[in-house]
Amino acid sequence: MHAASSGDLLADRRYEYARAYFDAGDHVAAVDLYLQALELAPGWLPALVGATDALVSVGRQDEAEPLLREAAERDVDGLFGTSLRLAALGLAEVPAAPPEAYVRGLFDDYADRFETALVDELGYRAPWLIADLIEKVRPGAIFARGTDLGCGTGLMAEALKGRVGHFSGCDLSSEMIARAEAGRRYQALAVAEATAFLSERTETLDLVTAADVLVYIGALDSLFRHVAVRLAPGGLFAFTVEESDEGDLVLRDSLRYAHGEAYVRRVLGEAHLSIADLARGVLRYDRGAPIRGMIVVARPEV
């Protein structure tokens, strides 16, 4: 997250140096600089969160905990994701969903380098994996009306170029939507949370996609029900999830949710959707490690 000034120029400078060291992998130096920033600007929320992350990364969780709890008290709107951070460290229950302010802020910050960072640096493949599985399930199909949930800058629309007559998209991040509009990849766009967006629709949809989105939603029951209501009888719902082998819904230290296969199948079934096909693959890389997940195409039960 971009940080507002602490009001102390020296503290701000220490903070920026700390971020740079942390991003470069020198977490020990980052700890020292974050703590210096806090000495100059006690209680400054961005430095509290930065210090927490740096301390945890060097194995000093006991020192991180009081700083994180102080940060959580100050993070009133959830912008810094402190509830997620507490849960990821085992210090609180895993929330069913992340704070909207956190997701919005994350992608507003990320928008200007989103496609380059994801595709070129992280090997992001989710939209193309979804497109390939849709082609397998419905070879050569053209979908009259579709919606892309959490559309970002429009990589899903690029992967399905020429296959959706009217493609709408929604995203919590206004910065992402601005870039999607500039790319002219969709016929309609809205700044909105996915479930709320679907709840306000009245049209029937032939295709709903969600590439690398459910990792920022958490519990899937409400979203899947809203998808089912909007899908045409022969429609498809195509999405990716990071796969958990440890339970139904797991919050990883990346602050992204992973979902178990049994959970995904159960929640789809409760929404009266069935799996047309399911594949597994590497969705992207994180710090050089492959992030594996499931690619799923579902359809209304008959």
Protein backbone atom coordinates (compact mmCIF):
# COMPACT_ATOMS: atom_id res chain seq x y z
CA MET A 1 0.00 0.00 0.00
CA HIS A 2 1.14 3.52 -0.65
CA ALA A 3 1.63 5.26 2.66
CA ALA A 4 0.57 8.76 3.59
CA SER A 5 3.31 10.76 5.28
CA SER A 6 3.93 10.19 8.94
CA GLY A 7 4.43 13.93 9.34
CA ASP A 8 8.13 13.38 10.01
CA LEU A 9 10.33 13.60 6.92
CA LEU A 10 13.09 11.49 8.48
CA ALA A 11 10.61 8.76 9.47
CA ASP A 12 9.19 8.77 5.94
CA ARG A 13 12.67 8.36 4.52
CA ARG A 14 13.50 5.47 6.88
CA TYR A 15 10.23 3.82 5.88
CA GLU A 16 10.96 4.07 2.14
CA TYR A 17 14.48 2.70 2.67
CA ALA A 18 12.99 -0.17 4.69
CA ARG A 19 10.56 -1.02 1.89
CA ALA A 20 13.37 -1.01 -0.64
CA TYR A 21 15.53 -3.32 1.48
CA PHE A 22 12.59 -5.65 2.13
CA ASP A 23 11.75 -5.87 -1.58
CA ALA A 24 15.42 -6.58 -2.32
CA GLY A 25 15.39 -9.48 0.16
CA ASP A 26 17.47 -7.88 2.91
CA HIS A 27 14.90 -8.38 5.65
CA VAL A 28 17.32 -7.83 8.52
CA ALA A 29 18.13 -4.32 7.29
CA ALA A 30 14.42 -3.71 6.71
CA VAL A 31 13.61 -4.59 10.33
CA ASP A 32 16.14 -2.09 11.62
CA LEU A 33 14.89 0.72 9.38
CA TYR A 34 11.19 0.07 10.09
CA LEU A 35 11.89 0.17 13.83
CA GLN A 36 13.82 3.41 13.38
CA ALA A 37 10.82 4.87 11.56
CA LEU A 38 8.57 3.84 14.47
CA GLU A 39 10.91 5.47 16.98
CA LEU A 40 10.50 8.73 15.07
CA ALA A 41 6.76 8.28 14.39
CA PRO A 42 5.26 6.00 17.10
CA GLY A 43 2.03 4.27 16.07
CA TRP A 44 2.38 5.10 12.37
CA LEU A 45 0.28 2.37 10.75
CA PRO A 46 2.28 1.72 7.55
CA ALA A 47 5.49 1.32 9.55
CA LEU A 48 3.79 -0.95 12.08
CA VAL A 49 2.64 -3.24 9.27
CA GLY A 50 5.99 -3.12 7.50
CA ALA A 51 7.86 -3.89 10.70
CA THR A 52 5.53 -6.81 11.38
CA ASP A 53 6.14 -8.35 7.96
CA ALA A 54 9.90 -7.86 8.25
CA LEU A 55 10.10 -9.29 11.77
CA VAL A 56 8.09 -12.36 10.79
CA SER A 57 10.31 -12.90 7.76
CA VAL A 58 13.39 -13.16 10.01
CA GLY A 59 11.70 -15.45 12.53
CA ARG A 60 10.93 -12.87 15.22
CA GLN A 61 7.16 -13.42 15.46
CA ASP A 62 7.06 -12.79 19.23
CA GLU A 63 8.30 -9.25 18.61
CA ALA A 64 5.96 -8.84 15.65
CA GLU A 65 2.78 -9.78 17.50
CA PRO A 66 2.35 -6.66 19.70
CA LEU A 67 3.11 -4.41 16.73
CA LEU A 68 0.56 -6.22 14.61
CA ARG A 69 -2.09 -6.04 17.31
CA GLU A 70 -1.49 -2.30 17.62
CA ALA A 71 -1.73 -2.01 13.84
CA ALA A 72 -5.04 -3.92 13.86
CA GLU A 73 -6.50 -1.44 16.32
CA ARG A 74 -5.53 1.42 14.02
CA ASP A 75 -6.51 -0.29 10.75
CA VAL A 76 -10.17 0.63 11.12
CA ASP A 77 -11.24 0.15 7.49
CA GLY A 78 -9.01 -2.88 6.89
CA LEU A 79 -6.90 -1.17 4.23
CA PHE A 80 -3.69 -2.82 5.47
CA GLY A 81 -5.20 -6.29 5.81
CA THR A 82 -4.26 -6.63 9.47
CA SER A 83 -7.10 -9.09 10.12
CA LEU A 84 -5.64 -11.33 7.43
CA ARG A 85 -2.14 -10.95 8.80
CA LEU A 86 -3.27 -11.93 12.30
CA ALA A 87 -5.06 -14.99 10.91
CA ALA A 88 -2.10 -16.01 8.75
CA LEU A 89 0.08 -16.02 11.89
CA GLY A 90 -2.44 -18.11 13.83
CA LEU A 91 -3.35 -15.18 16.08
CA ALA A 92 -7.00 -14.91 14.99
CA GLU A 93 -9.70 -16.90 13.22
CA VAL A 94 -9.48 -16.97 9.44
CA PRO A 95 -12.05 -14.45 8.16
CA ALA A 96 -14.57 -15.68 5.60
CA ALA A 97 -13.56 -12.82 3.32
CA PRO A 98 -10.83 -10.19 3.18
CA PRO A 99 -11.64 -6.51 3.83
CA GLU A 100 -12.78 -4.89 0.58
CA ALA A 101 -10.57 -1.88 1.32
CA TYR A 102 -7.52 -4.16 1.42
CA VAL A 103 -8.26 -5.79 -1.95
CA ARG A 104 -9.14 -2.46 -3.55
CA GLY A 105 -5.99 -0.79 -2.25
CA LEU A 106 -3.80 -3.72 -3.26
CA PHE A 107 -4.90 -3.58 -6.89
CA ASP A 108 -5.11 0.20 -7.11
CA ASP A 109 -1.41 0.19 -6.19
CA TYR A 110 -0.67 -2.66 -8.59
CA ALA A 111 -2.60 -1.40 -11.63
CA ASP A 112 0.18 0.52 -13.37
CA ARG A 113 2.44 -2.56 -13.58
CA PHE A 114 -0.17 -5.31 -13.36
CA GLU A 115 0.20 -7.03 -16.72
CA THR A 116 3.97 -6.72 -16.91
CA ALA A 117 4.48 -7.98 -13.37
CA LEU A 118 2.04 -10.85 -13.65
CA VAL A 119 2.76 -12.17 -17.12
CA ASP A 120 6.44 -11.38 -17.58
CA GLU A 121 7.71 -11.70 -14.02
CA LEU A 122 5.33 -14.19 -12.35
CA GLY A 123 4.45 -16.37 -15.33
CA TYR A 124 0.73 -15.76 -14.83
CA ARG A 125 -1.34 -18.18 -16.94
CA ALA A 126 -4.81 -18.39 -15.39
CA PRO A 127 -6.83 -16.68 -18.19
CA TRP A 128 -5.26 -18.84 -20.89
CA LEU A 129 -5.71 -22.02 -18.86
CA ILE A 130 -9.39 -21.11 -18.45
CA ALA A 131 -9.74 -20.39 -22.17
CA ASP A 132 -8.16 -23.76 -23.04
CA LEU A 133 -10.53 -25.65 -20.73
CA ILE A 134 -13.57 -23.79 -22.10
CA GLU A 135 -12.46 -24.82 -25.58
CA LYS A 136 -12.18 -28.43 -24.43
CA VAL A 137 -15.66 -28.39 -22.90
CA ARG A 138 -17.32 -26.42 -25.73
CA PRO A 139 -15.09 -26.54 -28.84
CA GLY A 140 -15.47 -23.51 -31.07
CA ALA A 141 -18.35 -22.05 -29.03
CA ILE A 142 -19.23 -18.37 -29.27
CA PHE A 143 -20.93 -16.97 -26.16
CA ALA A 144 -23.49 -14.24 -26.75
CA ARG A 145 -23.18 -12.60 -23.34
CA GLY A 146 -20.52 -13.03 -20.68
CA THR A 147 -19.25 -11.45 -17.49
CA ASP A 148 -15.69 -11.44 -16.16
CA LEU A 149 -15.56 -11.15 -12.38
CA GLY A 150 -12.53 -9.34 -11.00
CA CYS A 151 -11.55 -8.46 -14.55
CA GLY A 152 -8.43 -6.43 -13.73
CA THR A 153 -6.98 -4.88 -16.87
CA GLY A 154 -8.67 -7.40 -19.14
CA LEU A 155 -6.38 -10.40 -19.63
CA MET A 156 -9.35 -12.79 -19.55
CA ALA A 157 -11.01 -10.84 -22.37
CA GLU A 158 -7.75 -11.03 -24.32
CA ALA A 159 -7.57 -14.80 -23.84
CA LEU A 160 -11.18 -15.16 -25.08
CA LYS A 161 -10.90 -12.57 -27.84
CA GLY A 162 -13.55 -13.13 -30.50
CA ARG A 163 -15.45 -15.72 -28.45
CA VAL A 164 -17.80 -13.50 -26.42
CA GLY A 165 -20.25 -11.21 -28.20
CA HIS A 166 -20.92 -8.85 -25.30
CA PHE A 167 -18.38 -9.11 -22.48
CA SER A 168 -18.86 -7.11 -19.28
CA GLY A 169 -16.37 -6.87 -16.46
CA CYS A 170 -16.27 -5.75 -12.84
CA ASP A 171 -13.45 -5.08 -10.40
CA LEU A 172 -13.15 -3.52 -6.95
CA SER A 173 -10.23 -1.40 -8.16
CA SER A 174 -11.11 1.77 -10.03
CA GLU A 175 -7.52 1.92 -11.30
CA MET A 176 -7.87 -1.53 -12.85
CA ILE A 177 -11.16 -0.56 -14.46
CA ALA A 178 -9.59 2.60 -15.89
CA ARG A 179 -6.92 0.49 -17.58
CA ALA A 180 -9.47 -2.04 -18.82
CA GLU A 181 -11.45 0.84 -20.35
CA ALA A 182 -8.31 2.13 -22.05
CA GLY A 183 -7.69 -1.34 -23.51
CA ARG A 184 -11.23 -1.48 -24.97
CA ARG A 185 -11.46 -5.20 -24.23
CA TYR A 186 -14.98 -5.14 -22.78
CA GLN A 187 -18.31 -3.72 -23.88
CA ALA A 188 -19.27 -2.68 -20.33
CA LEU A 189 -17.32 -2.18 -17.11
CA ALA A 190 -18.16 -1.41 -13.50
CA VAL A 191 -16.29 -0.74 -10.27
CA ALA A 192 -17.96 -3.33 -8.05
CA GLU A 193 -17.43 -6.38 -5.86
CA ALA A 194 -18.23 -9.59 -7.75
CA THR A 195 -21.21 -10.84 -5.72
CA ALA A 196 -22.77 -7.38 -5.51
CA PHE A 197 -22.28 -6.92 -9.25
CA LEU A 198 -24.09 -10.17 -10.03
CA SER A 199 -26.89 -9.40 -7.58
CA GLU A 200 -27.69 -6.22 -9.51
CA ARG A 201 -27.79 -7.92 -12.93
CA THR A 202 -31.03 -8.86 -14.61
CA GLU A 203 -29.70 -10.36 -17.84
CA THR A 204 -29.04 -14.05 -18.43
CA LEU A 205 -25.39 -14.93 -18.97
CA ASP A 206 -23.91 -17.57 -21.24
CA LEU A 207 -20.46 -17.38 -19.65
CA VAL A 208 -19.08 -16.21 -16.29
CA THR A 209 -15.32 -16.19 -15.71
CA ALA A 210 -13.19 -15.57 -12.61
CA ALA A 211 -9.43 -15.84 -13.22
CA ASP A 212 -7.31 -15.64 -10.06
CA VAL A 213 -10.18 -13.89 -8.25
CA LEU A 214 -11.51 -16.40 -5.74
CA VAL A 215 -8.19 -16.23 -3.87
CA TYR A 216 -9.36 -12.75 -2.77
CA ILE A 217 -12.94 -13.77 -1.95
CA GLY A 218 -12.59 -16.59 0.57
CA ALA A 219 -15.89 -18.36 1.27
CA LEU A 220 -17.52 -19.12 -2.09
CA ASP A 221 -21.11 -20.07 -1.27
CA SER A 222 -22.74 -16.67 -1.82
CA LEU A 223 -20.87 -15.94 -5.04
CA PHE A 224 -21.64 -19.36 -6.52
CA ARG A 225 -25.35 -18.96 -5.76
CA HIS A 226 -25.42 -15.60 -7.54
CA VAL A 227 -23.58 -17.06 -10.53
CA ALA A 228 -26.12 -19.89 -10.73
CA VAL A 229 -29.04 -17.46 -10.74
CA ARG A 230 -27.60 -15.54 -13.69
CA LEU A 231 -26.38 -18.47 -15.82
CA ALA A 232 -28.42 -19.57 -18.84
CA PRO A 233 -29.39 -23.28 -18.85
CA GLY A 234 -26.49 -24.09 -21.17
CA GLY A 235 -24.13 -21.52 -19.70
CA LEU A 236 -20.64 -22.06 -18.29
CA PHE A 237 -18.89 -20.80 -15.17
CA ALA A 238 -15.11 -21.00 -15.53
CA PHE A 239 -12.68 -20.12 -12.72
CA THR A 240 -9.40 -20.88 -11.01
CA VAL A 241 -8.55 -21.49 -7.37
CA GLU A 242 -5.28 -22.12 -5.61
CA GLU A 243 -5.64 -25.66 -4.31
CA SER A 244 -5.44 -26.52 -0.63
CA ASP A 245 -4.46 -29.96 0.58
CA GLU A 246 -4.97 -28.89 4.19
CA GLY A 247 -8.68 -28.12 4.41
CA ASP A 248 -11.67 -26.47 2.79
CA LEU A 249 -10.58 -22.87 3.11
CA VAL A 250 -6.99 -21.94 3.99
CA LEU A 251 -5.41 -18.51 4.29
CA ARG A 252 -1.83 -18.67 3.10
CA ASP A 253 1.02 -16.43 4.22
CA SER A 254 0.61 -14.65 0.86
CA LEU A 255 -2.74 -13.46 2.34
CA ARG A 256 -4.49 -15.31 -0.49
CA TYR A 257 -7.08 -18.05 0.07
CA ALA A 258 -6.65 -21.62 -1.13
CA HIS A 259 -9.61 -23.99 -1.52
CA GLY A 260 -9.90 -27.76 -1.25
CA GLU A 261 -11.39 -29.76 -4.11
CA ALA A 262 -14.07 -31.32 -1.89
CA TYR A 263 -15.12 -27.83 -0.74
CA VAL A 264 -15.33 -26.49 -4.30
CA ARG A 265 -17.42 -29.48 -5.39
CA ARG A 266 -19.72 -29.17 -2.38
CA VAL A 267 -20.35 -25.45 -2.77
CA LEU A 268 -20.97 -25.84 -6.50
CA GLY A 269 -23.45 -28.62 -5.76
CA GLU A 270 -25.26 -26.50 -3.17
CA ALA A 271 -25.65 -23.84 -5.87
CA HIS A 272 -26.98 -26.50 -8.29
CA LEU A 273 -23.91 -26.32 -10.48
CA SER A 274 -21.95 -29.36 -11.63
CA ILE A 275 -18.39 -29.71 -12.87
CA ALA A 276 -18.09 -30.12 -16.63
CA ASP A 277 -14.30 -30.46 -16.42
CA LEU A 278 -11.52 -29.87 -13.92
CA ALA A 279 -7.82 -29.56 -14.63
CA ARG A 280 -4.76 -28.81 -12.56
CA GLY A 281 -1.80 -26.68 -13.44
CA VAL A 282 0.64 -23.95 -12.44
CA LEU A 283 -1.31 -20.70 -12.26
CA ARG A 284 1.71 -18.45 -11.64
CA TYR A 285 4.96 -18.31 -9.68
CA ASP A 286 5.63 -16.66 -6.32
CA ARG A 287 9.23 -16.02 -5.26
CA GLY A 288 10.26 -18.61 -7.82
CA ALA A 289 7.95 -21.32 -6.51
CA PRO A 290 5.09 -22.64 -8.66
CA ILE A 291 1.60 -21.89 -7.38
CA ARG A 292 -0.56 -24.82 -8.35
CA GLY A 293 -4.29 -24.70 -8.59
CA MET A 294 -7.45 -26.02 -10.14
CA ILE A 295 -9.04 -24.79 -13.33
CA VAL A 296 -12.75 -25.54 -13.27
CA VAL A 297 -15.57 -25.27 -15.80
CA ALA A 298 -19.00 -25.75 -14.23
CA ARG A 299 -22.53 -25.61 -15.61
CA PRO A 300 -26.09 -25.65 -14.29
CA GLU A 301 -27.38 -29.03 -13.22
CA VAL A 302 -29.97 -30.54 -15.54
